[in-house]
C-alpha atoms as a PDB file:
ATOM      1  CA  MET A   1     -16.955 -14.965  -9.864  1.00  0.00           C
ATOM      2  CA  ALA A   2     -15.620 -15.037  -6.313  1.00  0.00           C
ATOM      3  CA  ILE A   3     -12.439 -13.100  -5.558  1.00  0.00           C
ATOM      4  CA  THR A   4      -9.826 -14.571  -3.234  1.00  0.00           C
ATOM      5  CA  ILE A   5      -6.754 -12.724  -2.003  1.00  0.00           C
ATOM      6  CA  THR A   6      -3.915 -13.913   0.210  1.00  0.00           C
ATOM      7  CA  ALA A   7      -2.618 -12.276   3.378  1.00  0.00           C
ATOM      8  CA  PHE A   8      -0.297 -12.991   6.288  1.00  0.00           C
ATOM      9  CA  GLU A   9      -1.597 -15.406   8.884  1.00  0.00           C
ATOM     10  CA  ARG A  10       0.535 -13.480  11.406  1.00  0.00           C
ATOM     11  CA  SER A  11       1.362 -10.080   9.948  1.00  0.00           C
ATOM     12  CA  PRO A  12       4.733  -8.594  10.944  1.00  0.00           C
ATOM     13  CA  ASP A  13       3.110  -5.135  11.064  1.00  0.00           C
ATOM     14  CA  ARG A  14       1.156  -6.195  14.181  1.00  0.00           C
ATOM     15  CA  GLY A  15      -2.176  -4.941  12.909  1.00  0.00           C
ATOM     16  CA  LYS A  16      -1.044  -1.497  11.755  1.00  0.00           C
ATOM     17  CA  GLY A  17      -2.417  -1.924   8.239  1.00  0.00           C
ATOM     18  CA  LEU A  18       0.996  -1.712   6.549  1.00  0.00           C
ATOM     19  CA  ALA A  19       1.086  -5.141   4.892  1.00  0.00           C
ATOM     20  CA  ARG A  20       0.451  -4.865   1.181  1.00  0.00           C
ATOM     21  CA  ASP A  21      -2.789  -6.827   1.208  1.00  0.00           C
ATOM     22  CA  MET A  22      -4.202  -3.630   2.773  1.00  0.00           C
ATOM     23  CA  ARG A  23      -3.955  -1.926  -0.621  1.00  0.00           C
ATOM     24  CA  VAL A  24      -5.945  -4.665  -2.294  1.00  0.00           C
ATOM     25  CA  ARG A  25      -8.527  -4.831   0.481  1.00  0.00           C
ATOM     26  CA  TRP A  26      -9.018  -1.056   0.250  1.00  0.00           C
ATOM     27  CA  ALA A  27      -9.386  -1.119  -3.529  1.00  0.00           C
ATOM     28  CA  LEU A  28     -11.965  -3.908  -3.337  1.00  0.00           C
ATOM     29  CA  GLU A  29     -13.885  -2.008  -0.651  1.00  0.00           C
ATOM     30  CA  GLU A  30     -13.863   1.159  -2.781  1.00  0.00           C
ATOM     31  CA  ALA A  31     -15.147  -0.893  -5.713  1.00  0.00           C
ATOM     32  CA  GLY A  32     -17.831  -2.534  -3.584  1.00  0.00           C
ATOM     33  CA  ARG A  33     -16.551  -6.021  -4.404  1.00  0.00           C
ATOM     34  CA  PRO A  34     -16.823  -8.849  -1.859  1.00  0.00           C
ATOM     35  CA  TYR A  35     -13.770 -11.042  -1.435  1.00  0.00           C
ATOM     36  CA  ASP A  36     -12.437 -13.989   0.491  1.00  0.00           C
ATOM     37  CA  VAL A  37      -9.037 -14.092   2.181  1.00  0.00           C
ATOM     38  CA  ARG A  38      -6.736 -17.101   2.360  1.00  0.00           C
ATOM     39  CA  LEU A  39      -4.306 -16.654   5.254  1.00  0.00           C
ATOM     40  CA  LEU A  40      -0.795 -17.997   4.838  1.00  0.00           C
ATOM     41  CA  SER A  41       2.007 -18.828   7.242  1.00  0.00           C
ATOM     42  CA  PHE A  42       5.551 -17.845   6.264  1.00  0.00           C
ATOM     43  CA  LYS A  43       6.224 -21.536   5.616  1.00  0.00           C
ATOM     44  CA  ALA A  44       3.227 -21.835   3.282  1.00  0.00           C
ATOM     45  CA  MET A  45       4.408 -18.780   1.342  1.00  0.00           C
ATOM     46  CA  ARG A  46       7.468 -20.764   0.226  1.00  0.00           C
ATOM     47  CA  GLU A  47       5.579 -23.901  -0.786  1.00  0.00           C
ATOM     48  CA  PRO A  48       4.855 -24.817  -4.429  1.00  0.00           C
ATOM     49  CA  ALA A  49       1.129 -24.056  -4.242  1.00  0.00           C
ATOM     50  CA  HIS A  50       1.765 -20.412  -3.390  1.00  0.00           C
ATOM     51  CA  LEU A  51       4.884 -20.040  -5.520  1.00  0.00           C
ATOM     52  CA  GLY A  52       2.744 -21.051  -8.479  1.00  0.00           C
ATOM     53  CA  LEU A  53       0.729 -17.878  -7.864  1.00  0.00           C
ATOM     54  CA  GLN A  54       3.523 -15.605  -6.586  1.00  0.00           C
ATOM     55  CA  PRO A  55       6.975 -16.563  -7.886  1.00  0.00           C
ATOM     56  CA  PHE A  56       8.706 -14.553  -5.143  1.00  0.00           C
ATOM     57  CA  GLY A  57       6.777 -16.084  -2.266  1.00  0.00           C
ATOM     58  CA  GLN A  58       5.122 -12.856  -1.135  1.00  0.00           C
ATOM     59  CA  ILE A  59       1.607 -11.606  -0.470  1.00  0.00           C
ATOM     60  CA  PRO A  60      -0.860 -10.537  -1.697  1.00  0.00           C
ATOM     61  CA  THR A  61      -2.134 -12.570  -4.601  1.00  0.00           C
ATOM     62  CA  TYR A  62      -5.484 -12.220  -6.352  1.00  0.00           C
ATOM     63  CA  GLU A  63      -7.584 -14.994  -7.872  1.00  0.00           C
ATOM     64  CA  GLU A  64     -10.829 -14.586  -9.781  1.00  0.00           C
ATOM     65  CA  GLY A  65     -12.001 -17.429 -11.991  1.00  0.00           C
ATOM     66  CA  ASP A  66      -9.063 -18.432 -14.192  1.00  0.00           C
ATOM     67  CA  LEU A  67      -7.171 -15.179 -13.501  1.00  0.00           C
ATOM     68  CA  ALA A  68      -4.337 -15.145 -10.969  1.00  0.00           C
ATOM     69  CA  LEU A  69      -2.335 -11.986 -10.283  1.00  0.00           C
ATOM     70  CA  PHE A  70       0.518 -10.951  -8.020  1.00  0.00           C
ATOM     71  CA  GLU A  71       2.087  -7.574  -7.089  1.00  0.00           C
ATOM     72  CA  SER A  72      -0.186  -5.225  -5.156  1.00  0.00           C
ATOM     73  CA  GLY A  73       0.103  -2.397  -7.696  1.00  0.00           C
ATOM     74  CA  ALA A  74      -0.898  -4.644 -10.582  1.00  0.00           C
ATOM     75  CA  ILE A  75      -3.817  -6.012  -8.578  1.00  0.00           C
ATOM     76  CA  VAL A  76      -5.056  -2.540  -7.645  1.00  0.00           C
ATOM     77  CA  PHE A  77      -4.750  -1.469 -11.281  1.00  0.00           C
ATOM     78  CA  HIS A  78      -6.777  -4.481 -12.398  1.00  0.00           C
ATOM     79  CA  ILE A  79      -9.516  -3.715  -9.869  1.00  0.00           C
ATOM     80  CA  ALA A  80      -9.522  -0.037 -10.854  1.00  0.00           C
ATOM     81  CA  GLU A  81      -9.827  -0.870 -14.548  1.00  0.00           C
ATOM     82  CA  ARG A  82     -12.710  -3.274 -14.037  1.00  0.00           C
ATOM     83  CA  HIS A  83     -14.782  -1.315 -11.521  1.00  0.00           C
ATOM     84  CA  GLY A  84     -15.833   2.303 -11.054  1.00  0.00           C
ATOM     85  CA  GLY A  85     -14.574   4.772  -8.499  1.00  0.00           C
ATOM     86  CA  LEU A  86     -10.815   4.342  -8.733  1.00  0.00           C
ATOM     87  CA  LEU A  87      -9.970   5.755 -12.175  1.00  0.00           C
ATOM     88  CA  PRO A  88     -11.497   8.804 -13.901  1.00  0.00           C
ATOM     89  CA  ASP A  89     -13.633   8.414 -17.010  1.00  0.00           C
ATOM     90  CA  ASP A  90     -11.742  11.129 -18.890  1.00  0.00           C
ATOM     91  CA  ALA A  91      -8.866   9.515 -20.799  1.00  0.00           C
ATOM     92  CA  ASN A  92      -6.257  12.140 -19.913  1.00  0.00           C
ATOM     93  CA  ALA A  93      -7.212  12.225 -16.234  1.00  0.00           C
ATOM     94  CA  ARG A  94      -7.163   8.423 -16.230  1.00  0.00           C
ATOM     95  CA  ALA A  95      -3.634   8.396 -17.634  1.00  0.00           C
ATOM     96  CA  ARG A  96      -2.500  10.870 -14.978  1.00  0.00           C
ATOM     97  CA  ALA A  97      -4.034   8.718 -12.228  1.00  0.00           C
ATOM     98  CA  VAL A  98      -2.087   5.721 -13.525  1.00  0.00           C
ATOM     99  CA  ALA A  99       1.080   7.841 -13.546  1.00  0.00           C
ATOM    100  CA  TRP A 100       0.493   8.609  -9.853  1.00  0.00           C
ATOM    101  CA  MET A 101       0.130   4.886  -9.174  1.00  0.00           C
ATOM    102  CA  PHE A 102       3.577   4.338 -10.657  1.00  0.00           C
ATOM    103  CA  ALA A 103       4.961   7.368  -8.808  1.00  0.00           C
ATOM    104  CA  ALA A 104       3.755   6.016  -5.474  1.00  0.00           C
ATOM    105  CA  LEU A 105       5.360   2.602  -5.961  1.00  0.00           C
ATOM    106  CA  ASP A 106       8.449   3.444  -8.043  1.00  0.00           C
ATOM    107  CA  THR A 107       9.484   6.920  -6.830  1.00  0.00           C
ATOM    108  CA  VAL A 108       8.142   7.512  -3.322  1.00  0.00           C
ATOM    109  CA  GLU A 109       8.016   4.039  -1.775  1.00  0.00           C
ATOM    110  CA  PRO A 110      11.563   2.645  -2.321  1.00  0.00           C
ATOM    111  CA  PRO A 111      13.487   4.861   0.140  1.00  0.00           C
ATOM    112  CA  ILE A 112      10.617   4.690   2.663  1.00  0.00           C
ATOM    113  CA  PHE A 113      10.546   0.902   2.578  1.00  0.00           C
ATOM    114  CA  ASP A 114      14.339   0.671   2.671  1.00  0.00           C
ATOM    115  CA  ARG A 115      14.366   2.923   5.745  1.00  0.00           C
ATOM    116  CA  SER A 116      12.019   0.574   7.567  1.00  0.00           C
ATOM    117  CA  LEU A 117      14.236  -2.413   6.725  1.00  0.00           C
ATOM    118  CA  VAL A 118      17.461  -0.648   7.708  1.00  0.00           C
ATOM    119  CA  ARG A 119      16.000   0.323  11.075  1.00  0.00           C
ATOM    120  CA  ILE A 120      15.214  -3.335  11.756  1.00  0.00           C
ATOM    121  CA  LEU A 121      18.039  -5.246  10.095  1.00  0.00           C
ATOM    122  CA  GLU A 122      21.087  -2.953  10.085  1.00  0.00           C
ATOM    123  CA  ARG A 123      20.890  -1.087  13.391  1.00  0.00           C
ATOM    124  CA  ASP A 124      24.067  -2.745  14.712  1.00  0.00           C
ATOM    125  CA  GLU A 125      26.095  -2.273  11.544  1.00  0.00           C
ATOM    126  CA  PRO A 126      28.903   0.340  11.433  1.00  0.00           C
ATOM    127  CA  TRP A 127      27.306   2.045   8.435  1.00  0.00           C
ATOM    128  CA  TYR A 128      23.855   2.310  10.036  1.00  0.00           C
ATOM    129  CA  GLU A 129      23.817   6.046  10.798  1.00  0.00           C
ATOM    130  CA  GLN A 130      25.217   7.019   7.403  1.00  0.00           C
ATOM    131  CA  ARG A 131      22.811   4.726   5.549  1.00  0.00           C
ATOM    132  CA  LEU A 132      19.832   5.969   7.553  1.00  0.00           C
ATOM    133  CA  ARG A 133      20.778   9.613   6.994  1.00  0.00           C
ATOM    134  CA  PHE A 134      21.070   9.019   3.235  1.00  0.00           C
ATOM    135  CA  LEU A 135      17.645   7.365   3.062  1.00  0.00           C
ATOM    136  CA  GLU A 136      15.968  10.031   5.177  1.00  0.00           C
ATOM    137  CA  ASN A 137      17.438  12.771   2.982  1.00  0.00           C
ATOM    138  CA  SER A 138      16.099  10.937  -0.075  1.00  0.00           C
ATOM    139  CA  ILE A 139      12.677  10.649   1.548  1.00  0.00           C
ATOM    140  CA  ARG A 140      12.600  14.355   2.378  1.00  0.00           C
ATOM    141  CA  LYS A 141      13.426  15.207  -1.225  1.00  0.00           C
ATOM    142  CA  ARG A 142      10.522  13.078  -2.474  1.00  0.00           C
ATOM    143  CA  LEU A 143       8.110  14.389   0.151  1.00  0.00           C
ATOM    144  CA  GLY A 144       9.082  17.981  -0.546  1.00  0.00           C
ATOM    145  CA  ASP A 145       8.282  17.540  -4.217  1.00  0.00           C
ATOM    146  CA  LEU A 146       5.048  15.745  -3.411  1.00  0.00           C
ATOM    147  CA  SER A 147       4.006  18.379  -0.877  1.00  0.00           C
ATOM    148  CA  ARG A 148       4.558  21.175  -3.390  1.00  0.00           C
ATOM    149  CA  HIS A 149       2.483  19.379  -5.984  1.00  0.00           C
ATOM    150  CA  LEU A 150      -0.376  18.661  -3.605  1.00  0.00           C
ATOM    151  CA  GLY A 151      -0.510  22.161  -2.151  1.00  0.00           C
ATOM    152  CA  ASP A 152      -3.888  22.691  -0.524  1.00  0.00           C
ATOM    153  CA  ALA A 153      -5.743  20.213  -2.758  1.00  0.00           C
ATOM    154  CA  ASP A 154      -7.533  17.226  -1.294  1.00  0.00           C
ATOM    155  CA  TRP A 155      -6.146  14.698  -3.770  1.00  0.00           C
ATOM    156  CA  LEU A 156      -3.275  14.460  -6.243  1.00  0.00           C
ATOM    157  CA  ASP A 157      -5.223  15.151  -9.424  1.00  0.00           C
ATOM    158  CA  GLY A 158      -8.856  16.147  -8.934  1.00  0.00           C
ATOM    159  CA  ALA A 159     -11.023  13.386  -7.508  1.00  0.00           C
ATOM    160  CA  PHE A 160      -9.736  10.516  -5.366  1.00  0.00           C
ATOM    161  CA  SER A 161      -8.200   7.763  -7.487  1.00  0.00           C
ATOM    162  CA  ALA A 162      -6.125   4.605  -7.291  1.00  0.00           C
ATOM    163  CA  GLY A 163      -3.088   6.900  -7.383  1.00  0.00           C
ATOM    164  CA  ASP A 164      -4.155   8.395  -4.063  1.00  0.00           C
ATOM    165  CA  LEU A 165      -4.964   4.981  -2.645  1.00  0.00           C
ATOM    166  CA  LEU A 166      -1.450   3.728  -3.298  1.00  0.00           C
ATOM    167  CA  MET A 167       0.235   6.982  -2.250  1.00  0.00           C
ATOM    168  CA  VAL A 168      -1.579   7.044   1.086  1.00  0.00           C
ATOM    169  CA  THR A 169      -0.576   3.451   1.837  1.00  0.00           C
ATOM    170  CA  VAL A 170       3.037   4.328   1.049  1.00  0.00           C
ATOM    171  CA  LEU A 171       3.079   7.447   3.233  1.00  0.00           C
ATOM    172  CA  ARG A 172       1.490   5.603   6.145  1.00  0.00           C
ATOM    173  CA  ARG A 173       4.813   3.798   6.654  1.00  0.00           C
ATOM    174  CA  LEU A 174       6.182   7.102   7.948  1.00  0.00           C
ATOM    175  CA  GLN A 175       3.485   7.716  10.527  1.00  0.00           C
ATOM    176  CA  GLY A 176       4.933   8.369  13.949  1.00  0.00           C
ATOM    177  CA  SER A 177       8.210   9.604  12.479  1.00  0.00           C
ATOM    178  CA  ASP A 178       9.348  13.214  12.536  1.00  0.00           C
ATOM    179  CA  ILE A 179       9.717  13.121   8.768  1.00  0.00           C
ATOM    180  CA  LEU A 180       6.057  13.061   7.767  1.00  0.00           C
ATOM    181  CA  GLU A 181       5.220  15.668  10.404  1.00  0.00           C
ATOM    182  CA  GLU A 182       7.445  18.139   8.548  1.00  0.00           C
ATOM    183  CA  TYR A 183       4.793  18.248   5.793  1.00  0.00           C
ATOM    184  CA  PRO A 184       1.420  19.207   7.340  1.00  0.00           C
ATOM    185  CA  ASN A 185      -0.448  18.993   4.035  1.00  0.00           C
ATOM    186  CA  LEU A 186       0.771  15.405   3.563  1.00  0.00           C
ATOM    187  CA  LEU A 187      -0.281  14.523   7.100  1.00  0.00           C
ATOM    188  CA  ALA A 188      -3.740  15.889   6.327  1.00  0.00           C
ATOM    189  CA  TYR A 189      -3.746  14.039   2.998  1.00  0.00           C
ATOM    190  CA  VAL A 190      -3.079  10.711   4.712  1.00  0.00           C
ATOM    191  CA  ALA A 191      -5.778  11.473   7.286  1.00  0.00           C
ATOM    192  CA  ARG A 192      -8.302  12.097   4.492  1.00  0.00           C
ATOM    193  CA  GLY A 193      -7.483   8.709   3.008  1.00  0.00           C
ATOM    194  CA  GLU A 194      -7.849   6.999   6.369  1.00  0.00           C
ATOM    195  CA  ALA A 195     -11.209   8.711   6.900  1.00  0.00           C
ATOM    196  CA  ARG A 196     -12.743   7.101   3.835  1.00  0.00           C
ATOM    197  CA  PRO A 197     -15.323   4.449   4.797  1.00  0.00           C
ATOM    198  CA  ALA A 198     -13.763   1.923   2.417  1.00  0.00           C
ATOM    199  CA  TYR A 199     -10.374   2.397   4.071  1.00  0.00           C
ATOM    200  CA  LYS A 200     -11.872   1.877   7.518  1.00  0.00           C
ATOM    201  CA  ARG A 201     -13.545  -1.361   6.435  1.00  0.00           C
ATOM    202  CA  ALA A 202     -10.304  -2.653   4.947  1.00  0.00           C
ATOM    203  CA  PHE A 203      -8.276  -1.675   8.002  1.00  0.00           C
ATOM    204  CA  ASP A 204     -10.741  -3.299  10.383  1.00  0.00           C
ATOM    205  CA  ALA A 205     -10.700  -6.508   8.342  1.00  0.00           C
ATOM    206  CA  GLN A 206      -6.909  -6.690   8.416  1.00  0.00           C
ATOM    207  CA  LEU A 207      -6.784  -5.788  12.117  1.00  0.00           C
ATOM    208  CA  ALA A 208      -9.230  -8.597  12.893  1.00  0.00           C
ATOM    209  CA  VAL A 209      -6.734 -11.106  11.476  1.00  0.00           C
ATOM    210  CA  PHE A 210      -4.039  -9.842  13.827  1.00  0.00           C
ATOM    211  CA  ALA A 211      -6.413  -9.921  16.777  1.00  0.00           C
ATOM    212  CA  ALA A 212      -7.387 -13.507  15.968  1.00  0.00           C
ATOM    213  CA  SER A 213      -3.745 -14.559  15.717  1.00  0.00           C
ATOM    214  CA  LYS A 214      -3.163 -13.352  19.291  1.00  0.00           C
ATOM    215  CA  ALA A 215      -6.163 -15.158  20.737  1.00  0.00           C
END
């Protein structure tokens, strides 16, 4: 059955591969699954047709036959469960990979995402510097723990998994900041993820949408 995902018609990340459909694209490329993309305007994301798929009016969504999913983590997990290459065969290693998926989205991502919003939306507020300092301290705590765990390994727990896929997409939000550069092994970890052929195909596909929107 054909797979269709949704993505921004005009992504606010300006082609940097930060929008969350990137995670789903990458997972599908790793799994070797073809997919179609339905591009949505911000107006269309609030219309009943899309809200029926995504109650919060966000992207991405995933449709395959009579299955419709929302939330990028849940979609990546579904793809990983159904297709090889993203979760280990060993039951214990598989459980650990799933734990890293949750860690990426529930532990590491929140202060990183909040930092990006604060820098855009609260820069002129009197509490801006204090709020930003708090978030950056929280990020450094998480990255320090993550860096110690990773050490000199290539991936978080043996072979590359969906846990790494999600963690790399989370850490990419810090690229160009001084924060990520404080952890050379995490910089190298992100670079390894970006060097994967499946990542490059997904990134190029998302970038092409941005390029088309400018034409």
